[in-house]
Amino acid sequence: MLQEEYKTPNETAKMLDVDKSTLWRWAKQGYLVPVKWGNKSRYKLSDIRCCMEG
């Protein structure tokens, strides 16, 4: 079984070459939704790759 990797909002924004405000807007639109761990948000690497591809 493959283990999912999670990225911080800063890492995600850098990978996608967007501002963190764009990540917030995408989350509200349901395009790229983070996983919440307590008060922290993390993005699945597999979801980030999907955004990069299309």
N, C-alpha and C. Protein backbone atom coordinates (compact mmCIF):
# COMPACT_ATOMS: atom_id res chain seq x y z
N MET A 1 0.84 -1.19 0.00
CA MET A 1 0.00 0.00 0.00
C MET A 1 0.88 1.24 0.00
N LEU A 2 0.59 2.17 -0.90
CA LEU A 2 1.35 3.41 -0.98
C LEU A 2 0.90 4.37 0.11
N GLN A 3 1.85 5.04 0.69
CA GLN A 3 1.53 6.02 1.72
C GLN A 3 1.44 7.39 1.08
N GLU A 4 0.38 8.11 1.36
CA GLU A 4 0.16 9.44 0.79
C GLU A 4 1.10 10.43 1.45
N GLU A 5 1.59 11.36 0.64
CA GLU A 5 2.45 12.43 1.14
C GLU A 5 1.63 13.72 1.18
N TYR A 6 1.85 14.52 2.20
CA TYR A 6 1.09 15.76 2.38
C TYR A 6 2.03 16.95 2.38
N LYS A 7 1.58 18.05 1.80
CA LYS A 7 2.38 19.27 1.71
C LYS A 7 1.68 20.42 2.43
N THR A 8 2.49 21.33 2.96
CA THR A 8 1.94 22.52 3.61
C THR A 8 1.39 23.48 2.54
N PRO A 9 0.58 24.44 2.96
CA PRO A 9 0.11 25.43 1.98
C PRO A 9 1.25 26.17 1.28
N ASN A 10 2.30 26.50 2.01
CA ASN A 10 3.44 27.19 1.39
C ASN A 10 4.11 26.32 0.34
N GLU A 11 4.33 25.05 0.66
CA GLU A 11 4.95 24.12 -0.29
C GLU A 11 4.05 23.93 -1.52
N THR A 12 2.75 23.82 -1.27
CA THR A 12 1.79 23.62 -2.36
C THR A 12 1.76 24.81 -3.29
N ALA A 13 1.70 26.01 -2.72
CA ALA A 13 1.68 27.23 -3.53
C ALA A 13 2.95 27.34 -4.38
N LYS A 14 4.07 26.98 -3.80
CA LYS A 14 5.34 27.04 -4.55
C LYS A 14 5.35 26.02 -5.69
N MET A 15 4.87 24.81 -5.41
CA MET A 15 4.85 23.77 -6.44
C MET A 15 3.96 24.15 -7.62
N LEU A 16 2.82 24.80 -7.32
CA LEU A 16 1.86 25.17 -8.36
C LEU A 16 2.10 26.57 -8.92
N ASP A 17 3.08 27.27 -8.36
CA ASP A 17 3.43 28.63 -8.77
C ASP A 17 2.22 29.56 -8.69
N VAL A 18 1.53 29.50 -7.54
CA VAL A 18 0.39 30.37 -7.28
C VAL A 18 0.56 30.98 -5.89
N ASP A 19 -0.25 31.99 -5.60
CA ASP A 19 -0.27 32.62 -4.29
C ASP A 19 -1.13 31.78 -3.34
N LYS A 20 -0.88 31.90 -2.05
CA LYS A 20 -1.69 31.16 -1.08
C LYS A 20 -3.16 31.59 -1.13
N SER A 21 -3.43 32.81 -1.54
CA SER A 21 -4.82 33.25 -1.66
C SER A 21 -5.54 32.46 -2.77
N THR A 22 -4.79 32.04 -3.77
CA THR A 22 -5.37 31.20 -4.83
C THR A 22 -5.75 29.84 -4.27
N LEU A 23 -4.92 29.29 -3.40
CA LEU A 23 -5.24 28.01 -2.76
C LEU A 23 -6.52 28.14 -1.94
N TRP A 24 -6.66 29.25 -1.24
CA TRP A 24 -7.87 29.49 -0.44
C TRP A 24 -9.10 29.54 -1.34
N ARG A 25 -8.98 30.25 -2.48
CA ARG A 25 -10.10 30.37 -3.42
C ARG A 25 -10.45 29.00 -4.02
N TRP A 26 -9.43 28.24 -4.40
CA TRP A 26 -9.64 26.90 -4.96
C TRP A 26 -10.35 25.99 -3.96
N ALA A 27 -9.98 26.10 -2.68
CA ALA A 27 -10.61 25.29 -1.64
C ALA A 27 -12.10 25.64 -1.55
N LYS A 28 -12.42 26.94 -1.62
CA LYS A 28 -13.82 27.36 -1.55
C LYS A 28 -14.61 26.87 -2.76
N GLN A 29 -13.93 26.75 -3.91
CA GLN A 29 -14.59 26.29 -5.14
C GLN A 29 -14.63 24.76 -5.23
N GLY A 30 -13.90 24.08 -4.33
CA GLY A 30 -13.86 22.62 -4.37
C GLY A 30 -12.85 22.06 -5.35
N TYR A 31 -11.99 22.92 -5.90
CA TYR A 31 -11.02 22.50 -6.91
C TYR A 31 -9.84 21.75 -6.28
N LEU A 32 -9.27 22.31 -5.24
CA LEU A 32 -8.16 21.68 -4.52
C LEU A 32 -8.41 21.90 -3.03
N VAL A 33 -8.95 20.89 -2.38
CA VAL A 33 -9.39 21.02 -0.99
C VAL A 33 -8.35 20.39 -0.06
N PRO A 34 -7.89 21.13 0.94
CA PRO A 34 -6.91 20.58 1.87
C PRO A 34 -7.55 19.64 2.89
N VAL A 35 -6.70 18.82 3.49
CA VAL A 35 -7.10 17.97 4.61
C VAL A 35 -6.78 18.75 5.88
N LYS A 36 -7.70 18.78 6.82
CA LYS A 36 -7.46 19.50 8.07
C LYS A 36 -6.98 18.54 9.15
N TRP A 37 -5.86 18.89 9.76
CA TRP A 37 -5.34 18.16 10.92
C TRP A 37 -5.30 19.16 12.06
N GLY A 38 -6.30 19.11 12.92
CA GLY A 38 -6.39 20.11 13.98
C GLY A 38 -6.63 21.46 13.34
N ASN A 39 -5.73 22.41 13.59
CA ASN A 39 -5.87 23.74 12.99
C ASN A 39 -4.94 23.92 11.79
N LYS A 40 -4.36 22.82 11.30
CA LYS A 40 -3.43 22.89 10.18
C LYS A 40 -4.05 22.30 8.92
N SER A 41 -3.70 22.90 7.79
CA SER A 41 -4.16 22.40 6.50
C SER A 41 -2.99 21.74 5.79
N ARG A 42 -3.27 20.63 5.16
CA ARG A 42 -2.26 19.93 4.36
C ARG A 42 -2.92 19.50 3.06
N TYR A 43 -2.13 19.51 1.99
CA TYR A 43 -2.62 19.12 0.68
C TYR A 43 -2.00 17.81 0.27
N LYS A 44 -2.83 16.90 -0.27
CA LYS A 44 -2.33 15.61 -0.74
C LYS A 44 -1.48 15.83 -1.98
N LEU A 45 -0.31 15.19 -2.01
CA LEU A 45 0.57 15.31 -3.15
C LEU A 45 -0.12 14.79 -4.42
N SER A 46 -0.91 13.74 -4.30
CA SER A 46 -1.61 13.20 -5.47
C SER A 46 -2.59 14.23 -6.04
N ASP A 47 -3.26 15.01 -5.16
CA ASP A 47 -4.18 16.06 -5.63
C ASP A 47 -3.41 17.19 -6.30
N ILE A 48 -2.25 17.53 -5.75
CA ILE A 48 -1.41 18.59 -6.33
C ILE A 48 -0.97 18.18 -7.72
N ARG A 49 -0.57 16.93 -7.87
CA ARG A 49 -0.12 16.44 -9.19
C ARG A 49 -1.27 16.49 -10.21
N CYS A 50 -2.46 16.18 -9.77
CA CYS A 50 -3.63 16.26 -10.67
C CYS A 50 -3.83 17.69 -11.17
N CYS A 51 -3.65 18.66 -10.29
CA CYS A 51 -3.77 20.06 -10.68
C CYS A 51 -2.68 20.46 -11.67
N MET A 52 -1.49 19.93 -11.45
CA MET A 52 -0.36 20.26 -12.33
C MET A 52 -0.58 19.68 -13.73
N GLU A 53 -1.24 18.53 -13.81
CA GLU A 53 -1.43 17.85 -15.09
C GLU A 53 -2.58 18.42 -15.91
N GLY A 54 -3.56 18.97 -15.23
CA GLY A 54 -4.69 19.41 -16.02
C GLY A 54 -5.46 20.49 -15.41
